[in-house]
Protein backbone atom coordinates (compact mmCIF):
# COMPACT_ATOMS: atom_id res chain seq x y z
CA MET A 1 -0.05 0.45 0.05
CA LYS A 2 1.10 3.80 -0.84
CA VAL A 3 -0.08 6.93 0.28
CA LEU A 4 0.41 10.12 -1.64
CA PHE A 5 1.02 13.02 0.86
CA PHE A 6 0.27 16.32 -0.78
CA ILE A 7 2.10 18.61 1.80
CA THR A 8 0.57 22.19 0.95
CA SER A 9 2.93 24.02 3.67
CA SER A 10 6.12 22.30 3.99
CA MET A 11 8.22 20.38 6.29
CA GLU A 12 10.99 22.71 5.80
CA LYS A 13 9.69 25.63 7.79
CA PRO A 14 7.97 25.59 11.17
CA SER A 15 3.80 25.64 11.19
CA PRO A 16 1.19 25.10 13.81
CA SER A 17 0.93 21.53 12.47
CA TRP A 18 4.39 20.31 11.66
CA HIS A 19 4.39 18.36 14.64
CA LEU A 20 1.40 16.75 13.52
CA MET A 21 2.86 16.05 10.24
CA LYS A 22 5.56 14.66 11.61
CA ALA A 23 4.00 12.18 13.84
CA LEU A 24 1.56 11.10 11.06
CA LEU A 25 4.95 10.32 8.92
CA GLU A 26 6.60 8.37 11.13
CA ASP A 27 3.87 5.83 12.09
CA VAL A 28 2.45 5.45 8.87
CA LEU A 29 5.86 4.40 7.70
CA ALA A 30 6.03 2.12 11.11
CA ALA A 31 2.97 0.60 10.10
CA GLY A 32 4.32 -0.66 6.72
CA ILE A 33 2.66 1.79 4.50
CA SER A 34 4.75 3.44 1.90
CA VAL A 35 4.64 7.11 1.53
CA HIS A 36 5.75 9.55 -1.23
CA ALA A 37 5.25 13.43 -0.35
CA ILE A 38 5.00 15.97 -2.53
CA GLN A 39 6.12 19.74 -0.69
CA ARG A 40 7.43 22.94 -1.46
CA HIS A 41 11.14 23.79 -1.25
CA TYR A 42 12.19 27.32 0.13
CA PRO A 43 16.20 27.29 -0.55
CA GLU A 44 16.30 30.45 1.20
CA LEU A 45 15.69 28.36 4.71
CA ASN A 46 18.80 26.11 4.17
CA SER A 47 16.90 23.26 6.50
CA PRO A 48 16.30 19.52 5.70
CA ALA A 49 13.39 18.45 3.61
CA PHE A 50 12.14 16.52 6.39
CA PRO A 51 13.20 15.25 9.82
CA GLU A 52 15.82 12.20 9.61
CA SER A 53 13.53 9.86 11.25
CA ILE A 54 11.59 10.33 8.07
CA LEU A 55 14.23 10.76 5.48
CA GLU A 56 16.13 7.64 6.16
CA HIS A 57 13.10 5.27 6.24
CA PRO A 58 13.53 2.62 3.17
CA LEU A 59 9.59 3.28 3.00
CA PHE A 60 9.45 7.05 2.12
CA SER A 61 10.46 9.39 -0.91
CA TYR A 62 9.86 12.62 -1.69
CA SER A 63 9.63 15.41 -4.60
CA GLU A 64 9.71 19.07 -3.87
CA VAL A 65 8.28 22.33 -6.21
CA THR A 66 10.35 25.12 -5.54
CA GLY A 67 8.97 28.29 -4.33
CA LYS A 68 9.61 31.70 -2.25
CA ILE A 69 8.01 32.48 0.84
CA GLY A 70 5.15 34.57 0.31
CA GLU A 71 4.26 37.60 2.66
CA LYS A 72 1.45 36.64 4.95
CA LYS A 73 -0.38 40.18 4.79
CA ASN A 74 -0.56 39.62 1.08
CA PHE A 75 -3.74 37.45 0.69
CA VAL A 76 -3.73 38.04 -2.63
CA LYS A 77 -0.23 37.07 -3.54
CA ARG A 78 -0.36 34.11 -1.18
CA TYR A 79 -3.49 32.71 -2.84
CA LEU A 80 -2.19 32.90 -6.35
CA GLY A 81 1.08 31.12 -5.22
CA GLY A 82 -0.96 28.05 -4.20
CA ILE A 83 -2.56 27.90 -7.34
CA GLY A 84 0.65 27.95 -8.68
CA TYR A 85 2.25 25.31 -6.47
CA ALA A 86 -0.79 22.99 -7.09
CA LEU A 87 -0.24 23.09 -11.15
CA LYS A 88 3.29 22.52 -10.51
CA SER A 89 2.98 19.59 -8.70
CA ARG A 90 1.33 17.95 -11.87
CA LYS A 91 4.61 16.65 -13.25
CA HIS A 92 5.32 14.89 -9.65
CA PHE A 93 2.08 13.52 -9.81
CA ARG A 94 2.71 11.96 -13.19
CA ARG A 95 5.98 10.37 -12.26
CA HIS A 96 4.56 8.98 -9.11
CA ASN A 97 1.19 7.81 -10.09
CA ASP A 98 1.29 4.51 -8.22
CA PHE A 99 -0.34 5.34 -5.02
CA ASP A 100 -3.38 3.72 -3.40
CA MET A 101 -4.53 7.32 -2.48
CA VAL A 102 -4.04 10.46 -1.74
CA PHE A 103 -3.59 12.60 1.22
CA VAL A 104 -4.14 16.57 1.18
CA GLN A 105 -3.23 18.56 3.83
CA SER A 106 -5.62 21.47 4.82
CA ALA A 107 -4.72 25.27 3.43
CA PRO A 108 -7.24 28.05 1.81
CA THR A 109 -6.24 27.08 -1.96
CA SER A 110 -7.45 23.63 -0.95
CA LEU A 111 -9.64 23.34 -3.75
CA TYR A 112 -6.66 23.59 -6.36
CA TYR A 113 -5.14 20.89 -4.39
CA ILE A 114 -8.34 18.50 -4.48
CA LEU A 115 -8.77 19.06 -7.80
CA THR A 116 -5.05 18.44 -8.53
CA ALA A 117 -4.89 14.79 -6.54
CA LYS A 118 -8.59 13.55 -8.05
CA HIS A 119 -7.36 14.37 -11.74
CA PHE A 120 -4.65 11.74 -11.28
CA ALA A 121 -6.21 9.62 -8.63
CA LYS A 122 -9.21 8.82 -10.92
CA LYS A 123 -10.98 6.27 -8.67
CA ARG A 124 -8.59 6.19 -5.68
CA PRO A 125 -9.51 7.91 -2.95
CA VAL A 126 -8.70 11.35 -1.61
CA LEU A 127 -8.66 12.28 1.83
CA TYR A 128 -8.77 16.12 2.85
CA ASN A 129 -7.53 16.90 6.34
CA SER A 130 -9.42 19.80 7.49
CA GLN A 131 -7.45 21.69 10.20
CA ASP A 132 -8.49 25.37 9.63
CA MET A 133 -11.67 25.69 7.50
CA PHE A 134 -11.19 28.37 4.73
CA PRO A 135 -13.13 31.08 4.57
CA GLY A 136 -14.78 30.98 7.89
CA SER A 137 -11.79 31.38 10.26
CA ALA A 138 -10.91 34.42 8.03
CA ILE A 139 -14.50 35.60 8.32
CA ALA A 140 -14.40 34.98 12.11
CA ASN A 141 -11.08 36.90 12.72
CA GLY A 142 -12.10 40.02 10.81
CA SER A 143 -9.34 39.16 7.41
CA MET A 144 -12.00 38.69 5.26
CA PRO A 145 -14.86 41.58 5.75
CA ARG A 146 -16.17 41.93 2.20
CA LYS A 147 -19.68 39.60 1.85
CA TRP A 148 -18.70 39.61 -2.10
CA MET A 149 -15.52 37.80 -1.14
CA GLN A 150 -17.13 35.62 1.50
CA LYS A 151 -19.63 34.43 -1.02
CA ILE A 152 -17.33 33.53 -3.52
CA PHE A 153 -15.10 31.43 -1.09
CA TYR A 154 -17.69 29.67 0.39
CA ARG A 155 -19.18 28.66 -3.13
CA LEU A 156 -15.10 27.54 -3.79
CA GLN A 157 -14.80 25.73 -0.70
CA LYS A 158 -17.91 23.87 -1.27
CA ILE A 159 -16.68 22.44 -4.24
CA ALA A 160 -13.62 21.37 -2.93
CA TYR A 161 -15.83 19.56 -0.27
CA LYS A 162 -17.89 17.80 -2.72
CA LYS A 163 -14.35 16.66 -4.86
CA ALA A 164 -13.03 14.78 -1.60
CA ASP A 165 -13.51 11.36 -0.71
CA VAL A 166 -13.39 11.88 2.82
CA ILE A 167 -12.66 15.08 5.54
CA THR A 168 -11.39 14.58 8.60
CA ALA A 169 -12.52 17.61 11.05
CA ILE A 170 -10.49 18.05 14.08
CA SER A 171 -13.37 18.29 16.46
CA GLU A 172 -17.42 18.17 16.88
CA ASP A 173 -17.60 21.67 16.46
CA MET A 174 -15.66 21.55 13.09
CA LYS A 175 -18.08 18.68 11.69
CA VAL A 176 -20.95 20.82 12.68
CA LYS A 177 -19.68 23.56 10.49
CA LEU A 178 -19.16 21.15 7.84
CA LEU A 179 -22.91 19.63 8.06
CA GLU A 180 -24.01 23.07 7.92
CA GLN A 181 -22.23 23.65 4.48
CA GLY A 182 -23.61 20.73 2.98
CA VAL A 183 -21.21 18.00 3.44
CA PRO A 184 -22.67 14.36 3.85
CA GLU A 185 -21.93 12.90 7.70
CA ASN A 186 -20.87 9.62 6.23
CA LYS A 187 -18.05 11.75 4.27
CA ILE A 188 -17.00 13.17 7.45
CA LYS A 189 -14.62 11.78 10.27
CA VAL A 190 -13.76 13.54 13.16
CA ILE A 191 -9.78 12.83 14.70
CA VAL A 192 -8.59 15.20 17.06
CA ASN A 193 -4.76 16.92 16.95
CA TRP A 194 -2.52 15.13 19.09
CA TYR A 195 0.27 15.62 21.27
CA ASP A 196 3.33 13.51 20.81
CA ASP A 197 3.36 11.29 24.10
CA ARG A 198 7.07 10.57 23.11
CA SER A 199 8.40 14.19 23.65
CA VAL A 200 5.59 16.36 25.32
CA ARG A 201 5.61 15.79 29.36
CA GLU A 202 5.19 17.73 32.40
CA ILE A 203 8.68 19.08 33.48
CA PRO A 204 9.30 19.66 37.11
CA TRP A 205 9.96 23.11 38.54
CA SER A 206 13.26 22.62 39.63
CA GLU A 207 14.36 21.01 36.37
CA ASN A 208 12.15 23.63 34.25
CA ARG A 209 14.26 25.68 31.32
CA PHE A 210 12.18 27.99 30.80
CA VAL A 211 11.72 28.90 34.68
CA THR A 212 15.57 29.07 34.99
CA LYS A 213 15.95 30.88 32.15
CA TYR A 214 13.47 33.98 33.65
CA SER A 215 14.09 33.20 37.03
CA LEU A 216 10.80 32.58 37.93
CA ASP A 217 9.62 33.10 41.63
CA PRO A 218 7.86 29.80 43.05
CA GLY A 219 5.74 31.92 44.92
CA LYS A 220 3.86 33.65 41.93
CA PHE A 221 0.71 32.28 40.39
CA TYR A 222 1.17 32.08 36.23
CA VAL A 223 -1.45 32.67 34.03
CA GLN A 224 0.16 31.80 30.89
CA TYR A 225 -0.83 32.01 26.74
CA ALA A 226 2.28 30.90 24.55
CA GLY A 227 1.92 30.80 21.29
CA THR A 228 0.92 33.03 17.70
CA MET A 229 -0.53 36.43 19.00
CA GLY A 230 -2.28 36.68 15.69
CA THR A 231 -5.69 37.11 14.35
CA ASN A 232 -7.24 34.40 16.10
CA PHE A 233 -5.90 35.77 19.44
CA ASN A 234 -7.86 38.14 21.61
CA PRO A 235 -5.96 40.45 23.57
CA ASP A 236 -8.93 42.19 25.04
CA ILE A 237 -9.98 40.00 27.21
CA VAL A 238 -6.57 39.06 28.49
CA LEU A 239 -6.74 42.91 29.37
CA ALA A 240 -10.10 42.99 30.67
CA VAL A 241 -9.80 40.12 33.08
CA ALA A 242 -5.92 41.26 34.06
CA GLU A 243 -7.47 44.69 35.14
CA LEU A 244 -9.77 42.80 37.36
CA LEU A 245 -7.36 40.90 38.91
CA LYS A 246 -4.51 43.74 39.14
CA ALA A 247 -4.74 44.69 43.17
CA GLU A 248 -3.79 40.31 43.00
CA LYS A 249 -0.05 40.57 43.33
CA ASN A 250 0.96 36.98 43.27
CA ILE A 251 -1.23 36.51 39.91
CA VAL A 252 1.20 37.14 36.75
CA PHE A 253 0.13 37.10 33.28
CA GLN A 254 2.41 35.51 31.04
CA MET A 255 2.11 36.08 27.74
CA ILE A 256 4.53 34.20 25.42
CA GLY A 257 4.89 34.37 21.52
CA ASP A 258 5.01 36.75 18.74
CA GLY A 259 2.33 37.96 15.85
CA LYS A 260 0.45 40.61 14.41
CA ARG A 261 -1.52 41.69 17.59
CA ARG A 262 1.48 41.31 20.01
CA ALA A 263 2.87 45.21 19.58
CA ALA A 264 -0.48 46.83 20.07
CA PHE A 265 -1.55 44.61 22.93
CA GLU A 266 1.78 45.40 24.59
CA LYS A 267 1.43 49.02 24.51
CA GLU A 268 -2.09 49.03 25.59
CA ALA A 269 -1.02 46.90 28.89
CA ALA A 270 1.96 49.96 29.53
CA ALA A 271 -0.59 52.40 28.77
CA ARG A 272 -3.16 50.60 31.25
CA GLY A 273 -0.24 50.28 33.97
CA LEU A 274 -0.86 46.48 33.77
CA ASP A 275 2.22 45.64 35.09
CA ASN A 276 0.73 41.82 35.95
CA ILE A 277 1.07 41.17 32.33
CA VAL A 278 4.92 40.06 31.64
CA PHE A 279 5.96 39.60 28.12
CA TYR A 280 8.40 36.89 26.84
CA PRO A 281 9.68 36.24 23.17
CA LEU A 282 8.90 33.21 20.99
CA GLN A 283 10.66 29.97 22.64
CA PRO A 284 12.52 27.20 21.03
CA GLN A 285 10.29 24.30 19.76
CA ASP A 286 12.17 21.87 21.87
CA MET A 287 11.28 24.42 24.82
CA VAL A 288 7.31 23.07 24.56
CA SER A 289 7.02 20.99 27.60
CA ASP A 290 9.37 23.54 29.72
CA VAL A 291 6.89 26.44 28.71
CA TYR A 292 3.49 24.99 29.25
CA SER A 293 4.83 23.23 32.32
CA ALA A 294 5.65 26.32 33.89
CA CYS A 295 2.26 27.90 33.99
CA SER A 296 -0.11 27.27 36.82
CA VAL A 297 -2.80 27.56 34.58
CA CYS A 298 -3.30 28.35 31.06
CA LEU A 299 -5.61 30.91 29.56
CA ILE A 300 -7.01 30.43 26.04
CA PRO A 301 -8.02 33.77 24.73
CA LEU A 302 -10.15 33.40 21.44
CA LYS A 303 -12.02 35.48 18.83
CA GLU A 304 -15.48 35.07 18.28
CA GLY A 305 -16.27 32.29 15.81
CA VAL A 306 -12.90 30.47 15.82
CA ILE A 307 -14.24 27.57 17.63
CA GLY A 308 -15.80 25.35 14.74
CA ASN A 309 -13.24 26.76 11.95
CA SER A 310 -10.47 25.60 14.05
CA VAL A 311 -9.00 24.01 17.28
CA PRO A 312 -6.59 25.54 19.73
CA SER A 313 -3.61 23.33 18.99
CA LYS A 314 -2.24 23.52 22.74
CA ALA A 315 -5.07 22.37 24.44
CA ALA A 316 -3.82 18.79 24.17
CA LEU A 317 -0.21 19.81 24.93
CA LEU A 318 -1.27 21.46 27.98
CA MET A 319 -3.33 18.49 28.87
CA ALA A 320 0.09 16.41 28.50
CA CYS A 321 1.57 18.66 31.10
CA GLY A 322 -1.16 18.20 33.69
CA ARG A 323 -1.84 21.96 32.96
CA VAL A 324 -5.65 23.19 33.65
CA ILE A 325 -7.09 25.39 30.85
CA VAL A 326 -9.16 28.45 31.25
CA ASN A 327 -10.83 29.19 28.29
CA SER A 328 -12.65 32.23 26.81
CA VAL A 329 -14.69 30.83 23.55
CA ASP A 330 -17.91 30.95 21.79
CA ASP A 331 -21.00 30.01 24.64
CA GLY A 332 -22.25 26.67 23.41
CA CYS A 333 -19.42 25.06 21.86
CA ASP A 334 -18.50 21.52 22.38
CA TYR A 335 -15.17 22.75 22.88
CA GLY A 336 -15.65 24.82 26.02
CA GLN A 337 -18.54 21.97 27.47
CA MET A 338 -15.73 19.70 27.43
CA PHE A 339 -13.51 21.20 30.12
CA GLU A 340 -16.61 21.75 32.54
CA LYS A 341 -18.11 18.33 31.88
CA GLU A 342 -14.67 16.35 32.15
CA LYS A 343 -13.86 18.67 35.14
CA ILE A 344 -10.67 19.64 33.80
CA GLY A 345 -10.96 23.52 33.31
CA PHE A 346 -13.35 26.13 33.06
CA SER A 347 -14.68 27.88 29.99
CA ALA A 348 -16.60 31.36 29.53
CA GLY A 349 -17.79 33.63 26.70
CA ILE A 350 -16.03 35.84 24.28
CA LYS A 351 -16.45 38.82 26.79
CA ASP A 352 -17.04 37.56 30.27
CA ALA A 353 -13.99 38.97 32.15
CA GLN A 354 -15.66 38.78 35.68
CA LYS A 355 -16.00 34.71 35.08
CA LEU A 356 -12.59 34.36 33.85
CA ALA A 357 -11.07 36.59 36.79
CA GLU A 358 -13.18 34.29 39.27
CA ASP A 359 -12.21 30.85 37.44
CA ILE A 360 -8.38 32.07 38.12
CA ALA A 361 -9.01 33.34 41.51
CA PHE A 362 -10.48 30.01 42.41
CA LEU A 363 -7.89 27.84 41.12
CA ARG A 364 -5.27 29.75 42.87
CA ASP A 365 -7.08 29.43 46.27
CA HIS A 366 -7.77 25.95 45.92
CA PRO A 367 -4.61 24.02 44.96
CA GLU A 368 -5.66 20.81 45.66
CA TYR A 369 -8.49 20.91 43.20
CA ARG A 370 -6.16 22.42 40.76
CA LYS A 371 -4.19 19.40 40.94
CA GLU A 372 -7.07 16.62 41.09
CA CYS A 373 -8.04 18.42 37.45
CA GLY A 374 -4.67 18.46 36.06
CA THR A 375 -4.35 15.14 36.91
CA ARG A 376 -7.97 14.40 35.32
CA ALA A 377 -6.69 16.86 32.56
CA LYS A 378 -3.80 14.52 31.73
CA GLN A 379 -5.59 11.11 31.92
CA TYR A 380 -8.25 12.66 29.72
CA GLY A 381 -5.31 13.87 27.18
CA GLN A 382 -3.99 10.08 27.29
CA GLN A 383 -7.17 8.50 26.73
CA TYR A 384 -8.05 10.96 23.27
CA TYR A 385 -5.59 13.49 22.34
CA SER A 386 -2.14 11.05 22.38
CA ARG A 387 -0.54 10.51 19.47
CA PRO A 388 -0.93 6.33 18.98
CA VAL A 389 -4.53 7.06 19.38
CA ASN A 390 -5.03 9.12 17.05
CA THR A 391 -2.75 8.39 14.27
CA GLU A 392 -3.75 4.57 14.26
CA LYS A 393 -7.30 6.03 13.36
CA TYR A 394 -5.54 7.74 10.07
CA ILE A 395 -3.94 4.08 9.46
CA SER A 396 -7.04 2.34 9.69
CA LEU A 397 -8.52 4.91 7.41
CA PHE A 398 -5.84 4.26 4.93
CA ARG A 399 -6.41 0.81 4.86
CA ASP A 400 -10.47 0.78 4.69
CA PHE A 401 -10.73 2.91 1.96
CA THR A 402 -7.85 1.08 -0.19
CA GLU A 403 -9.57 -2.55 0.67
CA LYS A 404 -13.05 -1.13 -0.29
CA ARG A 405 -11.42 -0.05 -3.58
CA ASP A 406 -9.90 -3.04 -4.05
CA LYS A 407 -12.92 -5.46 -3.73
CA LYS A 408 -14.48 -2.72 -6.18
CA ASP A 409 -11.96 -3.69 -8.81
């Protein structure tokens, strides 16, 4: 059996889904399934095409399309660049047309990748891995305010969903969104994003490199956000909660990372005199466990409408580190209700700063309950969000679809 992975980003540069693709490729190869990958090559990066664990595997091969790193701010150039990549990849599909099915990675230009895959796959199945629903996510975070653009891209995306043979959604909320857009339920498989239980774990305070690097005070109660402060991130709610808890001198908000909203966020925090918010730069990838283990609780503040179109990938990583999560998300979403139902964290509405502040203060004042929540979160994560549980679902899906096609033939 052979699966062609059509990677729409690149394993040459970091991305939110980098660790997911690495783990999936490793586990698919370990299961005895041959893989050929098509991806972009960026000469200016001078990075290896894939991790050694993948490159050295005898069942793995790859081909690349040379390109340039587009400006994130220029949507038109990036979109056209995605179409160009789909067109240039055609020669590689011709040369490596001995696959049994195609895995297409999520992207705003998914229609063109799926159409390319379907053209060469013929009757062989094409799986589309939906990570970030477009244009829904762009509309939710304010990147696409024009109604006429929204209508056009929704129509294009519906064609993409229709052409794909199966769509994997990363949450029940995303499945609901897909159903709302007319995707048949039997075409949707929910497989959540996982954490790598081989590398992500809780790091004790005494061994924590982030703690040592920044001389953190063990007597403080750290409320952390670590990640991209981009279009999905809601700085307004963090400012409001920090304002409410300003008098609580032992509560410190750790804001770790970069993004387009960081500069204005940092400036506003300073203007309000919120010295309980401390900013840190983005940390290296190998510091993930140290960073998440350095907080007392984690705050995930999202813009309205993000849940369903996407899912915060850091949630599973935090569970692995035994950390309690306090969410600011849409009312009634499955993601938010999960924390309350399983007693592994708290969730409040997008603008409910008062509840968030109360939840944070409660967790500070009840360390034993916080510890119990953290233990439950770790157990829940192992059961539902760990790597072997979820990569096996993809492997089973690949085999099931291939077997069904073989029986028809």
